[in-house]
Amino acid sequence: MVEASAFFTGSPKIDIDSSFSGTCIGVADALKDEETKLKDDVADYDFLPKLQAGVIYRF
């Protein structure tokens, strides 16, 4: 038994926040930069592939 398929997940939603962003200089900017990089990295992953294989034995 073999099954191949794909799941449509849609565009990922990413939001990075910190309670320290108001007290530390540059943390808010660094978080925004990291959020933008992460969104760019995962933007192409709308579909997740699935491959399943199994063996059935009767006696």
PDB file of N, CA and C in Angstrom:
ATOM      1  N   MET A   1       0.842  -1.158   0.000  1.00  0.00           N
ATOM      2  CA  MET A   1       0.000   0.000   0.000  1.00  0.00           C
ATOM      3  C   MET A   1       0.901   1.238   0.000  1.00  0.00           C
ATOM      4  N   VAL A   2       0.651   2.149  -0.934  1.00  0.00           N
ATOM      5  CA  VAL A   2       1.415   3.397  -1.035  1.00  0.00           C
ATOM      6  C   VAL A   2       0.439   4.536  -1.297  1.00  0.00           C
ATOM      7  N   GLU A   3       0.633   5.621  -0.596  1.00  0.00           N
ATOM      8  CA  GLU A   3      -0.210   6.801  -0.778  1.00  0.00           C
ATOM      9  C   GLU A   3       0.684   8.030  -0.837  1.00  0.00           C
ATOM     10  N   ALA A   4       0.449   8.870  -1.837  1.00  0.00           N
ATOM     11  CA  ALA A   4       1.177  10.130  -1.965  1.00  0.00           C
ATOM     12  C   ALA A   4       0.155  11.251  -2.092  1.00  0.00           C
ATOM     13  N   SER A   5       0.350  12.313  -1.334  1.00  0.00           N
ATOM     14  CA  SER A   5      -0.579  13.434  -1.387  1.00  0.00           C
ATOM     15  C   SER A   5       0.125  14.690  -0.903  1.00  0.00           C
ATOM     16  N   ALA A   6      -0.615  15.774  -0.875  1.00  0.00           N
ATOM     17  CA  ALA A   6      -0.079  17.041  -0.381  1.00  0.00           C
ATOM     18  C   ALA A   6      -1.188  17.784   0.347  1.00  0.00           C
ATOM     19  N   PHE A   7      -0.803  18.533   1.359  1.00  0.00           N
ATOM     20  CA  PHE A   7      -1.735  19.346   2.131  1.00  0.00           C
ATOM     21  C   PHE A   7      -1.524  20.809   1.772  1.00  0.00           C
ATOM     22  N   PHE A   8      -2.608  21.499   1.468  1.00  0.00           N
ATOM     23  CA  PHE A   8      -2.523  22.936   1.241  1.00  0.00           C
ATOM     24  C   PHE A   8      -2.680  23.628   2.581  1.00  0.00           C
ATOM     25  N   THR A   9      -1.650  24.329   3.024  1.00  0.00           N
ATOM     26  CA  THR A   9      -1.671  24.976   4.328  1.00  0.00           C
ATOM     27  C   THR A   9      -1.924  26.473   4.233  1.00  0.00           C
ATOM     28  N   GLY A  10      -1.811  27.027   3.053  1.00  0.00           N
ATOM     29  CA  GLY A  10      -1.967  28.473   2.911  1.00  0.00           C
ATOM     30  C   GLY A  10      -0.708  29.204   3.335  1.00  0.00           C
ATOM     31  N   SER A  11      -0.762  30.486   3.274  1.00  0.00           N
ATOM     32  CA  SER A  11       0.392  31.291   3.644  1.00  0.00           C
ATOM     33  C   SER A  11       0.530  31.333   5.166  1.00  0.00           C
ATOM     34  N   PRO A  12       1.726  31.077   5.699  1.00  0.00           N
ATOM     35  CA  PRO A  12       1.901  31.090   7.151  1.00  0.00           C
ATOM     36  C   PRO A  12       1.770  32.496   7.718  1.00  0.00           C
ATOM     37  N   LYS A  13       1.246  32.584   8.925  1.00  0.00           N
ATOM     38  CA  LYS A  13       1.121  33.860   9.619  1.00  0.00           C
ATOM     39  C   LYS A  13       2.138  33.881  10.758  1.00  0.00           C
ATOM     40  N   ILE A  14       2.999  34.874  10.739  1.00  0.00           N
ATOM     41  CA  ILE A  14       4.088  34.942  11.713  1.00  0.00           C
ATOM     42  C   ILE A  14       4.025  36.287  12.428  1.00  0.00           C
ATOM     43  N   ASP A  15       4.120  36.248  13.754  1.00  0.00           N
ATOM     44  CA  ASP A  15       4.151  37.461  14.559  1.00  0.00           C
ATOM     45  C   ASP A  15       5.101  37.222  15.733  1.00  0.00           C
ATOM     46  N   ILE A  16       6.163  37.998  15.794  1.00  0.00           N
ATOM     47  CA  ILE A  16       7.135  37.887  16.876  1.00  0.00           C
ATOM     48  C   ILE A  16       6.991  39.114  17.764  1.00  0.00           C
ATOM     49  N   ASP A  17       6.858  38.875  19.063  1.00  0.00           N
ATOM     50  CA  ASP A  17       6.693  39.964  20.013  1.00  0.00           C
ATOM     51  C   ASP A  17       7.487  39.643  21.285  1.00  0.00           C
ATOM     52  N   SER A  18       7.843  40.668  22.024  1.00  0.00           N
ATOM     53  CA  SER A  18       8.594  40.480  23.257  1.00  0.00           C
ATOM     54  C   SER A  18       8.188  41.542  24.267  1.00  0.00           C
ATOM     55  N   SER A  19       8.201  41.175  25.512  1.00  0.00           N
ATOM     56  CA  SER A  19       7.897  42.146  26.558  1.00  0.00           C
ATOM     57  C   SER A  19       9.111  43.033  26.858  1.00  0.00           C
ATOM     58  N   PHE A  20      10.282  42.670  26.340  1.00  0.00           N
ATOM     59  CA  PHE A  20      11.498  43.440  26.572  1.00  0.00           C
ATOM     60  C   PHE A  20      11.755  44.478  25.488  1.00  0.00           C
ATOM     61  N   SER A  21      10.939  44.509  24.433  1.00  0.00           N
ATOM     62  CA  SER A  21      11.228  45.376  23.296  1.00  0.00           C
ATOM     63  C   SER A  21      11.162  46.860  23.657  1.00  0.00           C
ATOM     64  N   GLY A  22      10.396  47.234  24.692  1.00  0.00           N
ATOM     65  CA  GLY A  22      10.316  48.638  25.077  1.00  0.00           C
ATOM     66  C   GLY A  22      11.444  49.073  25.993  1.00  0.00           C
ATOM     67  N   THR A  23      12.084  48.137  26.658  1.00  0.00           N
ATOM     68  CA  THR A  23      13.113  48.504  27.641  1.00  0.00           C
ATOM     69  C   THR A  23      14.531  48.387  27.099  1.00  0.00           C
ATOM     70  N   CYS A  24      14.747  47.576  26.087  1.00  0.00           N
ATOM     71  CA  CYS A  24      16.093  47.379  25.533  1.00  0.00           C
ATOM     72  C   CYS A  24      16.207  48.083  24.187  1.00  0.00           C
ATOM     73  N   ILE A  25      17.287  48.803  24.024  1.00  0.00           N
ATOM     74  CA  ILE A  25      17.510  49.539  22.783  1.00  0.00           C
ATOM     75  C   ILE A  25      17.843  48.560  21.660  1.00  0.00           C
ATOM     76  N   GLY A  26      17.139  48.684  20.549  1.00  0.00           N
ATOM     77  CA  GLY A  26      17.420  47.870  19.369  1.00  0.00           C
ATOM     78  C   GLY A  26      16.703  46.535  19.316  1.00  0.00           C
ATOM     79  N   VAL A  27      16.067  46.117  20.402  1.00  0.00           N
ATOM     80  CA  VAL A  27      15.406  44.815  20.410  1.00  0.00           C
ATOM     81  C   VAL A  27      14.204  44.814  19.471  1.00  0.00           C
ATOM     82  N   ALA A  28      13.424  45.882  19.472  1.00  0.00           N
ATOM     83  CA  ALA A  28      12.248  45.961  18.603  1.00  0.00           C
ATOM     84  C   ALA A  28      12.651  45.898  17.130  1.00  0.00           C
ATOM     85  N   ASP A  29      13.710  46.600  16.776  1.00  0.00           N
ATOM     86  CA  ASP A  29      14.188  46.568  15.387  1.00  0.00           C
ATOM     87  C   ASP A  29      14.718  45.188  15.015  1.00  0.00           C
ATOM     88  N   ALA A  30      15.442  44.554  15.934  1.00  0.00           N
ATOM     89  CA  ALA A  30      15.978  43.220  15.677  1.00  0.00           C
ATOM     90  C   ALA A  30      14.847  42.202  15.512  1.00  0.00           C
ATOM     91  N   LEU A  31      13.792  42.333  16.315  1.00  0.00           N
ATOM     92  CA  LEU A  31      12.652  41.424  16.195  1.00  0.00           C
ATOM     93  C   LEU A  31      11.932  41.612  14.868  1.00  0.00           C
ATOM     94  N   LYS A  32      11.758  42.850  14.441  1.00  0.00           N
ATOM     95  CA  LYS A  32      11.113  43.113  13.146  1.00  0.00           C
ATOM     96  C   LYS A  32      11.951  42.549  11.998  1.00  0.00           C
ATOM     97  N   ASP A  33      13.271  42.717  12.065  1.00  0.00           N
ATOM     98  CA  ASP A  33      14.153  42.169  11.032  1.00  0.00           C
ATOM     99  C   ASP A  33      14.056  40.646  10.987  1.00  0.00           C
ATOM    100  N   GLU A  34      14.052  40.017  12.147  1.00  0.00           N
ATOM    101  CA  GLU A  34      13.978  38.555  12.218  1.00  0.00           C
ATOM    102  C   GLU A  34      12.619  38.059  11.717  1.00  0.00           C
ATOM    103  N   GLU A  35      11.564  38.775  12.033  1.00  0.00           N
ATOM    104  CA  GLU A  35      10.225  38.412  11.558  1.00  0.00           C
ATOM    105  C   GLU A  35      10.154  38.496  10.042  1.00  0.00           C
ATOM    106  N   THR A  36      10.742  39.530   9.458  1.00  0.00           N
ATOM    107  CA  THR A  36      10.759  39.688   7.999  1.00  0.00           C
ATOM    108  C   THR A  36      11.554  38.571   7.340  1.00  0.00           C
ATOM    109  N   LYS A  37      12.710  38.220   7.901  1.00  0.00           N
ATOM    110  CA  LYS A  37      13.522  37.135   7.350  1.00  0.00           C
ATOM    111  C   LYS A  37      12.782  35.804   7.409  1.00  0.00           C
ATOM    112  N   LEU A  38      12.119  35.547   8.529  1.00  0.00           N
ATOM    113  CA  LEU A  38      11.384  34.295   8.696  1.00  0.00           C
ATOM    114  C   LEU A  38      10.207  34.212   7.730  1.00  0.00           C
ATOM    115  N   LYS A  39       9.488  35.310   7.527  1.00  0.00           N
ATOM    116  CA  LYS A  39       8.386  35.336   6.567  1.00  0.00           C
ATOM    117  C   LYS A  39       8.891  35.049   5.152  1.00  0.00           C
ATOM    118  N   ASP A  40      10.043  35.613   4.794  1.00  0.00           N
ATOM    119  CA  ASP A  40      10.621  35.357   3.472  1.00  0.00           C
ATOM    120  C   ASP A  40      11.038  33.902   3.319  1.00  0.00           C
ATOM    121  N   ASP A  41      11.566  33.299   4.383  1.00  0.00           N
ATOM    122  CA  ASP A  41      12.029  31.909   4.321  1.00  0.00           C
ATOM    123  C   ASP A  41      10.883  30.917   4.159  1.00  0.00           C
ATOM    124  N   VAL A  42       9.756  31.152   4.791  1.00  0.00           N
ATOM    125  CA  VAL A  42       8.662  30.180   4.759  1.00  0.00           C
ATOM    126  C   VAL A  42       7.569  30.524   3.751  1.00  0.00           C
ATOM    127  N   ALA A  43       7.727  31.593   3.001  1.00  0.00           N
ATOM    128  CA  ALA A  43       6.689  32.034   2.057  1.00  0.00           C
ATOM    129  C   ALA A  43       6.420  31.007   0.953  1.00  0.00           C
ATOM    130  N   ASP A  44       7.388  30.200   0.600  1.00  0.00           N
ATOM    131  CA  ASP A  44       7.231  29.235  -0.495  1.00  0.00           C
ATOM    132  C   ASP A  44       6.620  27.913  -0.054  1.00  0.00           C
ATOM    133  N   TYR A  45       6.337  27.730   1.218  1.00  0.00           N
ATOM    134  CA  TYR A  45       5.840  26.454   1.722  1.00  0.00           C
ATOM    135  C   TYR A  45       4.322  26.472   1.918  1.00  0.00           C
ATOM    136  N   ASP A  46       3.585  26.579   0.790  1.00  0.00           N
ATOM    137  CA  ASP A  46       2.124  26.532   0.848  1.00  0.00           C
ATOM    138  C   ASP A  46       1.613  25.096   0.868  1.00  0.00           C
ATOM    139  N   PHE A  47       2.386  24.170   0.328  1.00  0.00           N
ATOM    140  CA  PHE A  47       2.000  22.766   0.272  1.00  0.00           C
ATOM    141  C   PHE A  47       2.985  21.918   1.069  1.00  0.00           C
ATOM    142  N   LEU A  48       2.456  20.990   1.849  1.00  0.00           N
ATOM    143  CA  LEU A  48       3.295  20.054   2.586  1.00  0.00           C
ATOM    144  C   LEU A  48       3.085  18.659   1.996  1.00  0.00           C
ATOM    145  N   PRO A  49       4.145  18.021   1.501  1.00  0.00           N
ATOM    146  CA  PRO A  49       3.989  16.697   0.902  1.00  0.00           C
ATOM    147  C   PRO A  49       3.784  15.608   1.953  1.00  0.00           C
ATOM    148  N   LYS A  50       3.098  14.548   1.543  1.00  0.00           N
ATOM    149  CA  LYS A  50       2.875  13.405   2.424  1.00  0.00           C
ATOM    150  C   LYS A  50       3.087  12.141   1.612  1.00  0.00           C
ATOM    151  N   LEU A  51       3.907  11.248   2.109  1.00  0.00           N
ATOM    152  CA  LEU A  51       4.140   9.945   1.498  1.00  0.00           C
ATOM    153  C   LEU A  51       3.970   8.896   2.587  1.00  0.00           C
ATOM    154  N   GLN A  52       3.073   7.970   2.344  1.00  0.00           N
ATOM    155  CA  GLN A  52       2.768   6.941   3.337  1.00  0.00           C
ATOM    156  C   GLN A  52       2.866   5.580   2.673  1.00  0.00           C
ATOM    157  N   ALA A  53       3.516   4.645   3.325  1.00  0.00           N
ATOM    158  CA  ALA A  53       3.652   3.285   2.803  1.00  0.00           C
ATOM    159  C   ALA A  53       3.332   2.287   3.920  1.00  0.00           C
ATOM    160  N   GLY A  54       2.769   1.182   3.545  1.00  0.00           N
ATOM    161  CA  GLY A  54       2.424   0.164   4.534  1.00  0.00           C
ATOM    162  C   GLY A  54       2.417  -1.217   3.927  1.00  0.00           C
ATOM    163  N   VAL A  55       2.444  -2.221   4.777  1.00  0.00           N
ATOM    164  CA  VAL A  55       2.440  -3.615   4.359  1.00  0.00           C
ATOM    165  C   VAL A  55       1.321  -4.331   5.119  1.00  0.00           C
ATOM    166  N   ILE A  56       0.546  -5.106   4.407  1.00  0.00           N
ATOM    167  CA  ILE A  56      -0.516  -5.902   5.027  1.00  0.00           C
ATOM    168  C   ILE A  56      -0.159  -7.380   4.851  1.00  0.00           C
ATOM    169  N   TYR A  57      -0.198  -8.119   5.935  1.00  0.00           N
ATOM    170  CA  TYR A  57       0.130  -9.548   5.893  1.00  0.00           C
ATOM    171  C   TYR A  57      -0.989 -10.305   6.580  1.00  0.00           C
ATOM    172  N   ARG A  58      -1.546 -11.288   5.886  1.00  0.00           N
ATOM    173  CA  ARG A  58      -2.591 -12.139   6.471  1.00  0.00           C
ATOM    174  C   ARG A  58      -2.130 -13.579   6.473  1.00  0.00           C
ATOM    175  N   PHE A  59      -2.490 -14.283   7.520  1.00  0.00           N
ATOM    176  CA  PHE A  59      -2.165 -15.705   7.581  1.00  0.00           C
ATOM    177  C   PHE A  59      -3.305 -16.469   8.198  1.00  0.00           C
TER     178      PHE A  59
END
